[in-house]
């Protein structure tokens, strides 16, 4: 696309160059993305267009759960806008906390055509618990259901080290088991 400013290309140029990450989707498949979204997720436009946006989620379970919640709330309430904070995943598989906001252009069938914006949210501290940098790395991975071995392999550390951090997180969140820990890390969205 030419960066020359003409009345005909202003809308497309504004979308492409917006500092806000935008994604247009049809039935949860990418129709169009802008450069800010490419930067946020570390992915090229042609890697997304025509493909499921599931690749932007850390897990299939997150993709399904958030999709069901979004669609059901929009249908039940008649709202055109859905907004939440959630874990997302960049192309290099780095999990991060993001604010997502979507507007449907087809109220009778919300996912038929939607425009989404995404922004990275700063380090998240749940319940004012002070976490070490390593605990902030490990917590979202636990929240995504990864085992200590999987987390250790992903971060290049021993699974026993992950177990130590998991135990410290359980103590900081004052919980007795892994399920309670996950529920504290991943709050109801």
C-alpha atoms as a PDB file:
ATOM      1  CA  UNK A   1       0.000   0.000   0.000  1.00  0.00           C
ATOM      2  CA  UNK A   2       1.231   3.461  -0.852  1.00  0.00           C
ATOM      3  CA  UNK A   3       1.739   5.894   2.003  1.00  0.00           C
ATOM      4  CA  UNK A   4       0.686   8.737  -0.302  1.00  0.00           C
ATOM      5  CA  UNK A   5      -2.246  10.568   1.234  1.00  0.00           C
ATOM      6  CA  UNK A   6      -5.269  10.659  -1.028  1.00  0.00           C
ATOM      7  CA  UNK A   7      -8.946  10.812  -0.064  1.00  0.00           C
ATOM      8  CA  UNK A   8      -9.396   7.261  -1.363  1.00  0.00           C
ATOM      9  CA  UNK A   9      -6.696   5.624   0.759  1.00  0.00           C
ATOM     10  CA  UNK A  10      -7.037   7.575   4.033  1.00  0.00           C
ATOM     11  CA  UNK A  11      -9.337   4.999   5.728  1.00  0.00           C
ATOM     12  CA  UNK A  12      -7.104   2.034   4.834  1.00  0.00           C
ATOM     13  CA  UNK A  13      -3.932   3.955   5.692  1.00  0.00           C
ATOM     14  CA  UNK A  14      -5.439   4.991   9.052  1.00  0.00           C
ATOM     15  CA  UNK A  15      -6.265   1.345   9.831  1.00  0.00           C
ATOM     16  CA  UNK A  16      -2.868   0.016   8.716  1.00  0.00           C
ATOM     17  CA  UNK A  17      -0.838   2.619  10.597  1.00  0.00           C
ATOM     18  CA  UNK A  18      -2.986   2.989  13.729  1.00  0.00           C
ATOM     19  CA  UNK A  19      -0.912   2.718  16.927  1.00  0.00           C
ATOM     20  CA  UNK A  20      -3.627   0.432  18.336  1.00  0.00           C
ATOM     21  CA  UNK A  21      -3.496  -3.282  17.453  1.00  0.00           C
ATOM     22  CA  UNK A  22      -6.575  -4.059  15.297  1.00  0.00           C
ATOM     23  CA  UNK A  23      -7.909  -7.336  13.955  1.00  0.00           C
ATOM     24  CA  UNK A  24     -10.993  -7.811  11.778  1.00  0.00           C
ATOM     25  CA  UNK A  25     -12.426 -11.321  12.033  1.00  0.00           C
ATOM     26  CA  UNK A  26     -15.150 -13.384  10.419  1.00  0.00           C
ATOM     27  CA  UNK A  27     -16.215 -16.378  12.494  1.00  0.00           C
ATOM     28  CA  UNK A  28     -12.971 -16.102  14.497  1.00  0.00           C
ATOM     29  CA  UNK A  29     -10.750 -16.162  11.404  1.00  0.00           C
ATOM     30  CA  UNK A  30      -8.556 -13.160  10.611  1.00  0.00           C
ATOM     31  CA  UNK A  31      -9.791 -11.078   7.680  1.00  0.00           C
ATOM     32  CA  UNK A  32      -7.435  -8.135   8.174  1.00  0.00           C
ATOM     33  CA  UNK A  33      -4.812  -7.007  10.713  1.00  0.00           C
ATOM     34  CA  UNK A  34      -2.755  -3.867  11.060  1.00  0.00           C
ATOM     35  CA  UNK A  35       0.952  -3.307  11.693  1.00  0.00           C
ATOM     36  CA  UNK A  36       0.463  -2.681  15.427  1.00  0.00           C
ATOM     37  CA  UNK A  37      -1.104  -6.140  15.773  1.00  0.00           C
ATOM     38  CA  UNK A  38       1.791  -7.679  13.824  1.00  0.00           C
ATOM     39  CA  UNK A  39       4.221  -6.040  16.274  1.00  0.00           C
ATOM     40  CA  UNK A  40       2.220  -6.974  19.388  1.00  0.00           C
ATOM     41  CA  UNK A  41       2.018 -10.655  18.457  1.00  0.00           C
ATOM     42  CA  UNK A  42       5.312 -10.858  16.533  1.00  0.00           C
ATOM     43  CA  UNK A  43       3.571 -12.260  13.479  1.00  0.00           C
ATOM     44  CA  UNK A  44       3.358 -11.298   9.822  1.00  0.00           C
ATOM     45  CA  UNK A  45       0.011 -10.416   8.245  1.00  0.00           C
ATOM     46  CA  UNK A  46       0.146 -13.339   5.808  1.00  0.00           C
ATOM     47  CA  UNK A  47       0.576 -15.755   8.730  1.00  0.00           C
ATOM     48  CA  UNK A  48      -2.843 -14.711  10.079  1.00  0.00           C
ATOM     49  CA  UNK A  49      -5.115 -13.746   7.179  1.00  0.00           C
ATOM     50  CA  UNK A  50      -7.666 -16.480   6.522  1.00  0.00           C
ATOM     51  CA  UNK A  51      -6.574 -18.446   9.583  1.00  0.00           C
ATOM     52  CA  UNK A  52      -8.152 -19.044  12.965  1.00  0.00           C
ATOM     53  CA  UNK A  53      -7.272 -16.515  15.645  1.00  0.00           C
ATOM     54  CA  UNK A  54      -6.747 -19.494  17.953  1.00  0.00           C
ATOM     55  CA  UNK A  55      -3.016 -19.165  17.210  1.00  0.00           C
ATOM     56  CA  UNK A  56      -3.039 -15.956  19.323  1.00  0.00           C
ATOM     57  CA  UNK A  57      -4.233 -17.822  22.421  1.00  0.00           C
ATOM     58  CA  UNK A  58      -1.969 -19.807  24.769  1.00  0.00           C
ATOM     59  CA  UNK A  59      -4.296 -22.827  24.668  1.00  0.00           C
ATOM     60  CA  UNK A  60      -7.261 -24.281  22.830  1.00  0.00           C
ATOM     61  CA  UNK A  61      -9.160 -24.288  26.125  1.00  0.00           C
ATOM     62  CA  UNK A  62      -8.705 -20.502  26.467  1.00  0.00           C
ATOM     63  CA  UNK A  63      -9.815 -19.964  22.859  1.00  0.00           C
ATOM     64  CA  UNK A  64     -12.977 -22.024  23.386  1.00  0.00           C
ATOM     65  CA  UNK A  65     -13.825 -20.671  26.869  1.00  0.00           C
ATOM     66  CA  UNK A  66     -13.395 -17.005  25.954  1.00  0.00           C
ATOM     67  CA  UNK A  67     -15.250 -17.462  22.659  1.00  0.00           C
ATOM     68  CA  UNK A  68     -18.216 -19.123  24.353  1.00  0.00           C
ATOM     69  CA  UNK A  69     -18.352 -16.426  27.032  1.00  0.00           C
ATOM     70  CA  UNK A  70     -18.115 -13.584  24.499  1.00  0.00           C
ATOM     71  CA  UNK A  71     -20.762 -14.992  22.173  1.00  0.00           C
ATOM     72  CA  UNK A  72     -23.198 -15.885  24.937  1.00  0.00           C
ATOM     73  CA  UNK A  73     -22.912 -12.490  26.670  1.00  0.00           C
ATOM     74  CA  UNK A  74     -23.378 -10.601  23.422  1.00  0.00           C
ATOM     75  CA  UNK A  75     -26.386 -12.674  22.388  1.00  0.00           C
ATOM     76  CA  UNK A  76     -28.049 -12.577  25.823  1.00  0.00           C
ATOM     77  CA  UNK A  77     -27.484  -8.879  26.487  1.00  0.00           C
ATOM     78  CA  UNK A  78     -27.769  -7.560  22.949  1.00  0.00           C
ATOM     79  CA  UNK A  79     -24.546  -5.625  23.561  1.00  0.00           C
ATOM     80  CA  UNK A  80     -22.471  -4.852  20.488  1.00  0.00           C
ATOM     81  CA  UNK A  81     -19.200  -4.616  22.461  1.00  0.00           C
ATOM     82  CA  UNK A  82     -17.343  -7.238  24.482  1.00  0.00           C
ATOM     83  CA  UNK A  83     -14.283  -6.437  26.599  1.00  0.00           C
ATOM     84  CA  UNK A  84     -12.058  -8.423  28.942  1.00  0.00           C
ATOM     85  CA  UNK A  85      -8.499  -9.015  30.083  1.00  0.00           C
ATOM     86  CA  UNK A  86      -6.937 -12.346  29.265  1.00  0.00           C
ATOM     87  CA  UNK A  87      -3.741 -14.217  28.531  1.00  0.00           C
ATOM     88  CA  UNK A  88      -2.634 -14.068  24.901  1.00  0.00           C
ATOM     89  CA  UNK A  89       0.401 -15.568  23.191  1.00  0.00           C
ATOM     90  CA  UNK A  90       2.870 -14.090  20.747  1.00  0.00           C
ATOM     91  CA  UNK A  91       4.270 -15.956  17.756  1.00  0.00           C
ATOM     92  CA  UNK A  92       7.382 -16.901  19.780  1.00  0.00           C
ATOM     93  CA  UNK A  93       5.038 -18.444  22.383  1.00  0.00           C
ATOM     94  CA  UNK A  94       5.531 -15.763  25.017  1.00  0.00           C
ATOM     95  CA  UNK A  95       2.378 -15.534  27.121  1.00  0.00           C
ATOM     96  CA  UNK A  96       1.296 -12.028  28.129  1.00  0.00           C
ATOM     97  CA  UNK A  97      -1.677 -10.345  29.787  1.00  0.00           C
ATOM     98  CA  UNK A  98      -3.789  -8.349  27.333  1.00  0.00           C
ATOM     99  CA  UNK A  99      -6.879  -6.182  27.256  1.00  0.00           C
ATOM    100  CA  UNK A 100      -9.159  -7.176  24.377  1.00  0.00           C
ATOM    101  CA  UNK A 101     -12.153  -5.244  23.098  1.00  0.00           C
ATOM    102  CA  UNK A 102     -14.363  -6.386  20.260  1.00  0.00           C
ATOM    103  CA  UNK A 103     -17.347  -4.843  18.503  1.00  0.00           C
ATOM    104  CA  UNK A 104     -19.658  -6.863  16.321  1.00  0.00           C
ATOM    105  CA  UNK A 105     -20.958  -5.521  13.035  1.00  0.00           C
ATOM    106  CA  UNK A 106     -23.531  -8.335  12.921  1.00  0.00           C
ATOM    107  CA  UNK A 107     -25.562  -8.267  16.184  1.00  0.00           C
ATOM    108  CA  UNK A 108     -27.760 -11.226  15.202  1.00  0.00           C
ATOM    109  CA  UNK A 109     -24.649 -13.402  14.774  1.00  0.00           C
ATOM    110  CA  UNK A 110     -21.831 -11.728  16.769  1.00  0.00           C
ATOM    111  CA  UNK A 111     -18.896 -13.680  15.333  1.00  0.00           C
ATOM    112  CA  UNK A 112     -19.990 -13.185  11.705  1.00  0.00           C
ATOM    113  CA  UNK A 113     -18.006  -9.937  11.560  1.00  0.00           C
ATOM    114  CA  UNK A 114     -16.076  -8.335  14.429  1.00  0.00           C
ATOM    115  CA  UNK A 115     -13.396  -5.720  14.893  1.00  0.00           C
ATOM    116  CA  UNK A 116     -11.007  -6.300  17.808  1.00  0.00           C
ATOM    117  CA  UNK A 117      -8.391  -4.194  19.532  1.00  0.00           C
ATOM    118  CA  UNK A 118      -5.657  -5.582  21.776  1.00  0.00           C
ATOM    119  CA  UNK A 119      -3.188  -3.976  24.120  1.00  0.00           C
ATOM    120  CA  UNK A 120      -0.572  -5.445  26.382  1.00  0.00           C
ATOM    121  CA  UNK A 121      -1.315  -4.809  30.041  1.00  0.00           C
ATOM    122  CA  UNK A 122       1.611  -4.207  32.406  1.00  0.00           C
ATOM    123  CA  UNK A 123       2.780  -6.833  34.844  1.00  0.00           C
ATOM    124  CA  UNK A 124      -0.307  -8.056  36.625  1.00  0.00           C
ATOM    125  CA  UNK A 125      -0.368  -8.386  40.372  1.00  0.00           C
ATOM    126  CA  UNK A 126      -3.324 -10.363  41.601  1.00  0.00           C
ATOM    127  CA  UNK A 127      -4.747  -9.533  45.030  1.00  0.00           C
ATOM    128  CA  UNK A 128      -1.804  -7.160  45.646  1.00  0.00           C
ATOM    129  CA  UNK A 129       0.536 -10.127  45.993  1.00  0.00           C
ATOM    130  CA  UNK A 130       4.133  -9.098  45.382  1.00  0.00           C
ATOM    131  CA  UNK A 131       5.705 -11.575  43.011  1.00  0.00           C
ATOM    132  CA  UNK A 132       9.343 -11.965  42.093  1.00  0.00           C
ATOM    133  CA  UNK A 133      10.240 -11.606  38.409  1.00  0.00           C
ATOM    134  CA  UNK A 134      10.520 -15.411  38.089  1.00  0.00           C
ATOM    135  CA  UNK A 135       7.143 -15.902  39.805  1.00  0.00           C
ATOM    136  CA  UNK A 136       5.620 -13.405  37.334  1.00  0.00           C
ATOM    137  CA  UNK A 137       7.037 -15.584  34.537  1.00  0.00           C
ATOM    138  CA  UNK A 138       5.785 -18.839  36.016  1.00  0.00           C
ATOM    139  CA  UNK A 139       2.331 -17.724  37.251  1.00  0.00           C
ATOM    140  CA  UNK A 140       0.691 -17.264  33.803  1.00  0.00           C
ATOM    141  CA  UNK A 141       2.092 -20.595  32.650  1.00  0.00           C
ATOM    142  CA  UNK A 142       0.559 -22.301  35.695  1.00  0.00           C
ATOM    143  CA  UNK A 143      -2.653 -20.414  34.930  1.00  0.00           C
ATOM    144  CA  UNK A 144      -2.586 -21.923  31.448  1.00  0.00           C
ATOM    145  CA  UNK A 145      -2.429 -25.419  32.923  1.00  0.00           C
ATOM    146  CA  UNK A 146       1.195 -26.230  32.139  1.00  0.00           C
ATOM    147  CA  UNK A 147       2.986 -28.831  34.258  1.00  0.00           C
ATOM    148  CA  UNK A 148       6.221 -28.094  36.112  1.00  0.00           C
ATOM    149  CA  UNK A 149       8.127 -30.102  33.489  1.00  0.00           C
ATOM    150  CA  UNK A 150       6.556 -28.116  30.637  1.00  0.00           C
ATOM    151  CA  UNK A 151       7.257 -24.809  32.380  1.00  0.00           C
ATOM    152  CA  UNK A 152      10.824 -25.864  33.157  1.00  0.00           C
ATOM    153  CA  UNK A 153      11.437 -26.822  29.533  1.00  0.00           C
ATOM    154  CA  UNK A 154       9.900 -23.561  28.274  1.00  0.00           C
ATOM    155  CA  UNK A 155      11.972 -21.395  30.654  1.00  0.00           C
ATOM    156  CA  UNK A 156      15.137 -23.491  30.531  1.00  0.00           C
ATOM    157  CA  UNK A 157      15.092 -24.309  34.239  1.00  0.00           C
ATOM    158  CA  UNK A 158      14.693 -27.475  36.279  1.00  0.00           C
ATOM    159  CA  UNK A 159      11.163 -28.718  36.946  1.00  0.00           C
ATOM    160  CA  UNK A 160      12.201 -28.913  40.615  1.00  0.00           C
ATOM    161  CA  UNK A 161      12.919 -25.178  40.555  1.00  0.00           C
ATOM    162  CA  UNK A 162       9.448 -24.638  39.110  1.00  0.00           C
ATOM    163  CA  UNK A 163       8.017 -26.765  41.944  1.00  0.00           C
ATOM    164  CA  UNK A 164       9.763 -24.504  44.491  1.00  0.00           C
ATOM    165  CA  UNK A 165       8.277 -21.402  42.855  1.00  0.00           C
ATOM    166  CA  UNK A 166       4.853 -23.083  42.636  1.00  0.00           C
ATOM    167  CA  UNK A 167       5.005 -23.802  46.389  1.00  0.00           C
ATOM    168  CA  UNK A 168       5.965 -20.176  47.100  1.00  0.00           C
ATOM    169  CA  UNK A 169       3.071 -18.964  44.927  1.00  0.00           C
ATOM    170  CA  UNK A 170       0.678 -21.232  46.830  1.00  0.00           C
ATOM    171  CA  UNK A 171       1.910 -19.757  50.103  1.00  0.00           C
ATOM    172  CA  UNK A 172       1.662 -16.152  48.830  1.00  0.00           C
ATOM    173  CA  UNK A 173      -1.867 -16.723  47.526  1.00  0.00           C
ATOM    174  CA  UNK A 174      -2.762 -18.668  50.693  1.00  0.00           C
ATOM    175  CA  UNK A 175      -4.159 -21.677  48.816  1.00  0.00           C
ATOM    176  CA  UNK A 176      -3.952 -25.408  49.507  1.00  0.00           C
ATOM    177  CA  UNK A 177      -3.853 -26.978  46.060  1.00  0.00           C
ATOM    178  CA  UNK A 178      -3.065 -26.358  42.411  1.00  0.00           C
ATOM    179  CA  UNK A 179      -6.707 -25.820  41.414  1.00  0.00           C
ATOM    180  CA  UNK A 180      -7.088 -23.023  43.969  1.00  0.00           C
ATOM    181  CA  UNK A 181      -3.809 -21.507  42.770  1.00  0.00           C
ATOM    182  CA  UNK A 182      -4.976 -21.491  39.137  1.00  0.00           C
ATOM    183  CA  UNK A 183      -8.274 -19.871  40.156  1.00  0.00           C
ATOM    184  CA  UNK A 184      -6.345 -17.115  41.946  1.00  0.00           C
ATOM    185  CA  UNK A 185      -4.004 -16.559  38.997  1.00  0.00           C
ATOM    186  CA  UNK A 186      -6.688 -16.639  36.333  1.00  0.00           C
ATOM    187  CA  UNK A 187      -9.534 -14.607  37.759  1.00  0.00           C
ATOM    188  CA  UNK A 188     -12.998 -14.902  36.270  1.00  0.00           C
ATOM    189  CA  UNK A 189     -13.017 -12.804  33.128  1.00  0.00           C
END
